[in-house]
Amino acid sequence: MNKKELLKEKVGRGFVPCFNQSCQLREHCLRWQGRDFVDRDAMVVLTVSPLLSGNACRMYQSDEPVLMAYGFNGLLDRLPRSMGTKLMLGVRSVCCRTYAYEYRNGQRPMPPTLQRHIETLCKEMGWEGDVKFDSYVESILTPF
């Protein structure tokens, strides 16, 4: 699926577009690019506030591809049991229990920030092996 098809699907499912023409970041922002896929017959549209702009917009979403990881059951199999338990508690500390298990089982894509969090947790516990996830997919849209 190409970028335009992904944006069209996401805008239809709640992705918040941006119409701020004065934003300095708009050329590489998916929210700006998503404005083209808003239903033209809609009377009300949820959108990013036009008051946000500049180099530090909190709603900016880059159009650069990222590597999304799926699942870490393989990692848990390689870790000692006590480390695996601590790792799951560490993942649950940054998301809800349901999401933690969906991330573990590969049912929900893990954004790069969560991947780094898991790597950090493993290093803090003393794990010296590789921190590899079950599979990877390149994507332009991170979960939101």
C-alpha atoms as a PDB file:
ATOM      1  CA  MET A   1       0.000   0.000   0.000  1.00  0.00           C
ATOM      2  CA  ASN A   2       1.504   3.353  -0.989  1.00  0.00           C
ATOM      3  CA  LYS A   3       1.568   6.515   1.129  1.00  0.00           C
ATOM      4  CA  LYS A   4      -1.538   8.061  -0.450  1.00  0.00           C
ATOM      5  CA  GLU A   5      -3.620   4.923   0.080  1.00  0.00           C
ATOM      6  CA  LEU A   6      -2.457   4.683   3.709  1.00  0.00           C
ATOM      7  CA  LEU A   7      -3.304   8.333   4.363  1.00  0.00           C
ATOM      8  CA  LYS A   8      -6.733   7.999   2.765  1.00  0.00           C
ATOM      9  CA  GLU A   9      -7.502   4.975   4.951  1.00  0.00           C
ATOM     10  CA  LYS A  10      -6.186   6.606   8.147  1.00  0.00           C
ATOM     11  CA  VAL A  11      -8.001   9.932   7.615  1.00  0.00           C
ATOM     12  CA  GLY A  12     -11.228   7.996   7.236  1.00  0.00           C
ATOM     13  CA  ARG A  13     -10.523   6.254  10.562  1.00  0.00           C
ATOM     14  CA  GLY A  14      -9.757   9.261  12.733  1.00  0.00           C
ATOM     15  CA  PHE A  15      -6.295  10.494  11.709  1.00  0.00           C
ATOM     16  CA  VAL A  16      -6.283  14.215  12.500  1.00  0.00           C
ATOM     17  CA  PRO A  17      -5.218  16.342   9.501  1.00  0.00           C
ATOM     18  CA  CYS A  18      -3.802  19.868   9.535  1.00  0.00           C
ATOM     19  CA  PHE A  19      -4.731  22.839   7.363  1.00  0.00           C
ATOM     20  CA  ASN A  20      -2.198  25.351   8.729  1.00  0.00           C
ATOM     21  CA  GLN A  21      -0.649  26.892   5.609  1.00  0.00           C
ATOM     22  CA  SER A  22       1.777  28.997   7.620  1.00  0.00           C
ATOM     23  CA  CYS A  23       3.421  26.037   9.397  1.00  0.00           C
ATOM     24  CA  GLN A  24       7.113  25.752   8.593  1.00  0.00           C
ATOM     25  CA  LEU A  25       7.036  21.946   8.940  1.00  0.00           C
ATOM     26  CA  ARG A  26       4.124  21.261   6.610  1.00  0.00           C
ATOM     27  CA  GLU A  27       6.049  19.965   3.566  1.00  0.00           C
ATOM     28  CA  HIS A  28       7.156  16.797   5.411  1.00  0.00           C
ATOM     29  CA  CYS A  29       4.195  16.439   7.783  1.00  0.00           C
ATOM     30  CA  LEU A  30       1.729  13.602   7.237  1.00  0.00           C
ATOM     31  CA  ARG A  31      -1.006  15.632   8.894  1.00  0.00           C
ATOM     32  CA  TRP A  32      -0.604  18.346   6.249  1.00  0.00           C
ATOM     33  CA  GLN A  33      -0.541  15.727   3.485  1.00  0.00           C
ATOM     34  CA  GLY A  34      -3.638  14.081   4.981  1.00  0.00           C
ATOM     35  CA  ARG A  35      -5.759  17.191   4.415  1.00  0.00           C
ATOM     36  CA  ASP A  36      -6.296  16.093   0.809  1.00  0.00           C
ATOM     37  CA  PHE A  37      -8.257  13.052   1.996  1.00  0.00           C
ATOM     38  CA  VAL A  38     -10.800  14.754   4.244  1.00  0.00           C
ATOM     39  CA  ASP A  39     -14.399  14.106   3.200  1.00  0.00           C
ATOM     40  CA  ARG A  40     -15.398  17.172   1.161  1.00  0.00           C
ATOM     41  CA  ASP A  41     -19.049  16.799   2.215  1.00  0.00           C
ATOM     42  CA  ALA A  42     -18.276  16.827   5.955  1.00  0.00           C
ATOM     43  CA  MET A  43     -19.700  19.850   7.738  1.00  0.00           C
ATOM     44  CA  VAL A  44     -17.413  19.468  10.781  1.00  0.00           C
ATOM     45  CA  VAL A  45     -13.825  18.187  10.726  1.00  0.00           C
ATOM     46  CA  LEU A  46     -11.549  17.463  13.671  1.00  0.00           C
ATOM     47  CA  THR A  47      -8.252  19.152  12.816  1.00  0.00           C
ATOM     48  CA  VAL A  48      -4.990  20.292  14.387  1.00  0.00           C
ATOM     49  CA  SER A  49      -5.322  23.755  15.893  1.00  0.00           C
ATOM     50  CA  PRO A  50      -4.101  26.422  13.487  1.00  0.00           C
ATOM     51  CA  LEU A  51      -2.481  28.132  16.473  1.00  0.00           C
ATOM     52  CA  LEU A  52       0.176  25.393  16.607  1.00  0.00           C
ATOM     53  CA  SER A  53       3.068  26.010  14.255  1.00  0.00           C
ATOM     54  CA  GLY A  54       6.741  26.683  14.072  1.00  0.00           C
ATOM     55  CA  ASN A  55       9.613  24.284  14.544  1.00  0.00           C
ATOM     56  CA  ALA A  56       8.127  22.595  17.618  1.00  0.00           C
ATOM     57  CA  CYS A  57       4.575  21.585  16.664  1.00  0.00           C
ATOM     58  CA  ARG A  58       3.539  18.779  19.022  1.00  0.00           C
ATOM     59  CA  MET A  59       1.248  17.290  16.367  1.00  0.00           C
ATOM     60  CA  TYR A  60       3.939  17.051  13.656  1.00  0.00           C
ATOM     61  CA  GLN A  61       4.222  13.579  12.159  1.00  0.00           C
ATOM     62  CA  SER A  62       7.124  13.052   9.803  1.00  0.00           C
ATOM     63  CA  ASP A  63       6.647  11.440   6.412  1.00  0.00           C
ATOM     64  CA  GLU A  64       9.978   9.616   6.783  1.00  0.00           C
ATOM     65  CA  PRO A  65       9.607   5.817   6.846  1.00  0.00           C
ATOM     66  CA  VAL A  66      10.187   4.101  10.201  1.00  0.00           C
ATOM     67  CA  LEU A  67      10.828   0.469  11.069  1.00  0.00           C
ATOM     68  CA  MET A  68       7.922  -0.896  13.103  1.00  0.00           C
ATOM     69  CA  ALA A  69       8.572  -4.071  15.091  1.00  0.00           C
ATOM     70  CA  TYR A  70       6.007  -6.800  15.683  1.00  0.00           C
ATOM     71  CA  GLY A  71       6.208  -9.140  18.654  1.00  0.00           C
ATOM     72  CA  PHE A  72       8.901 -10.016  21.159  1.00  0.00           C
ATOM     73  CA  ASN A  73       8.009 -13.580  22.121  1.00  0.00           C
ATOM     74  CA  GLY A  74      11.329 -14.742  20.660  1.00  0.00           C
ATOM     75  CA  LEU A  75      13.180 -12.326  22.932  1.00  0.00           C
ATOM     76  CA  LEU A  76      11.200 -13.517  25.958  1.00  0.00           C
ATOM     77  CA  ASP A  77      12.108 -17.135  25.079  1.00  0.00           C
ATOM     78  CA  ARG A  78      15.825 -16.229  25.161  1.00  0.00           C
ATOM     79  CA  LEU A  79      15.666 -14.203  28.390  1.00  0.00           C
ATOM     80  CA  PRO A  80      15.844 -15.857  31.808  1.00  0.00           C
ATOM     81  CA  ARG A  81      12.351 -16.095  33.263  1.00  0.00           C
ATOM     82  CA  SER A  82      12.913 -13.420  35.926  1.00  0.00           C
ATOM     83  CA  MET A  83      14.145 -10.951  33.278  1.00  0.00           C
ATOM     84  CA  GLY A  84      11.157 -11.738  31.072  1.00  0.00           C
ATOM     85  CA  THR A  85       8.796 -10.970  33.938  1.00  0.00           C
ATOM     86  CA  LYS A  86      10.581  -7.670  34.623  1.00  0.00           C
ATOM     87  CA  LEU A  87      10.519  -6.810  30.923  1.00  0.00           C
ATOM     88  CA  MET A  88       6.753  -7.290  30.715  1.00  0.00           C
ATOM     89  CA  LEU A  89       6.298  -5.142  33.839  1.00  0.00           C
ATOM     90  CA  GLY A  90       8.476  -2.477  32.229  1.00  0.00           C
ATOM     91  CA  VAL A  91       6.408  -2.520  29.036  1.00  0.00           C
ATOM     92  CA  ARG A  92       3.201  -2.363  31.076  1.00  0.00           C
ATOM     93  CA  SER A  93       4.567   0.697  32.887  1.00  0.00           C
ATOM     94  CA  VAL A  94       4.373   2.710  29.638  1.00  0.00           C
ATOM     95  CA  CYS A  95       1.135   1.314  28.221  1.00  0.00           C
ATOM     96  CA  CYS A  96      -1.943  -0.537  29.347  1.00  0.00           C
ATOM     97  CA  ARG A  97      -1.927  -4.277  30.033  1.00  0.00           C
ATOM     98  CA  THR A  98      -3.870  -5.093  26.854  1.00  0.00           C
ATOM     99  CA  TYR A  99      -1.450  -3.166  24.634  1.00  0.00           C
ATOM    100  CA  ALA A 100       1.558  -4.789  26.340  1.00  0.00           C
ATOM    101  CA  TYR A 101       0.275  -8.251  25.462  1.00  0.00           C
ATOM    102  CA  GLU A 102      -0.680  -7.177  21.943  1.00  0.00           C
ATOM    103  CA  TYR A 103       2.855  -5.781  21.455  1.00  0.00           C
ATOM    104  CA  ARG A 104       4.349  -9.014  22.817  1.00  0.00           C
ATOM    105  CA  ASN A 105       2.250 -11.223  20.535  1.00  0.00           C
ATOM    106  CA  GLY A 106       2.779  -9.115  17.402  1.00  0.00           C
ATOM    107  CA  GLN A 107      -0.831  -7.963  17.162  1.00  0.00           C
ATOM    108  CA  ARG A 108       0.083  -4.274  17.489  1.00  0.00           C
ATOM    109  CA  PRO A 109       3.040  -2.543  15.806  1.00  0.00           C
ATOM    110  CA  MET A 110       5.714  -1.204  18.158  1.00  0.00           C
ATOM    111  CA  PRO A 111       6.900   2.296  17.324  1.00  0.00           C
ATOM    112  CA  PRO A 112      10.641   3.040  17.529  1.00  0.00           C
ATOM    113  CA  THR A 113      10.239   4.712  20.950  1.00  0.00           C
ATOM    114  CA  LEU A 114       8.861   1.512  22.478  1.00  0.00           C
ATOM    115  CA  GLN A 115      11.558  -0.557  20.765  1.00  0.00           C
ATOM    116  CA  ARG A 116      14.225   1.661  22.355  1.00  0.00           C
ATOM    117  CA  HIS A 117      12.455   1.396  25.731  1.00  0.00           C
ATOM    118  CA  ILE A 118      12.575  -2.400  25.545  1.00  0.00           C
ATOM    119  CA  GLU A 119      16.258  -2.318  24.544  1.00  0.00           C
ATOM    120  CA  THR A 120      17.014  -0.026  27.498  1.00  0.00           C
ATOM    121  CA  LEU A 121      15.126  -2.272  29.919  1.00  0.00           C
ATOM    122  CA  CYS A 122      17.080  -5.311  28.725  1.00  0.00           C
ATOM    123  CA  LYS A 123      20.418  -3.519  29.158  1.00  0.00           C
ATOM    124  CA  GLU A 124      19.440  -2.265  32.631  1.00  0.00           C
ATOM    125  CA  MET A 125      18.632  -5.854  33.659  1.00  0.00           C
ATOM    126  CA  GLY A 126      22.063  -6.993  32.471  1.00  0.00           C
ATOM    127  CA  TRP A 127      21.028  -8.765  29.244  1.00  0.00           C
ATOM    128  CA  GLU A 128      24.054  -8.904  26.935  1.00  0.00           C
ATOM    129  CA  GLY A 129      22.423 -10.689  24.016  1.00  0.00           C
ATOM    130  CA  ASP A 130      20.765  -9.143  20.994  1.00  0.00           C
ATOM    131  CA  VAL A 131      17.418  -7.440  21.426  1.00  0.00           C
ATOM    132  CA  LYS A 132      15.610  -8.536  18.285  1.00  0.00           C
ATOM    133  CA  PHE A 133      11.903  -8.470  17.685  1.00  0.00           C
ATOM    134  CA  ASP A 134       9.907 -11.187  15.914  1.00  0.00           C
ATOM    135  CA  SER A 135       9.443  -9.236  12.668  1.00  0.00           C
ATOM    136  CA  TYR A 136       9.794  -5.760  11.197  1.00  0.00           C
ATOM    137  CA  VAL A 137       7.766  -3.734   8.691  1.00  0.00           C
ATOM    138  CA  GLU A 138       8.687  -0.370   7.200  1.00  0.00           C
ATOM    139  CA  SER A 139       5.866   2.131   7.613  1.00  0.00           C
ATOM    140  CA  ILE A 140       5.272   5.849   7.223  1.00  0.00           C
ATOM    141  CA  LEU A 141       2.475   6.010   9.764  1.00  0.00           C
ATOM    142  CA  THR A 142       3.230   5.417  13.398  1.00  0.00           C
ATOM    143  CA  PRO A 143       0.376   4.485  15.702  1.00  0.00           C
ATOM    144  CA  PHE A 144      -1.517   7.455  17.068  1.00  0.00           C
END
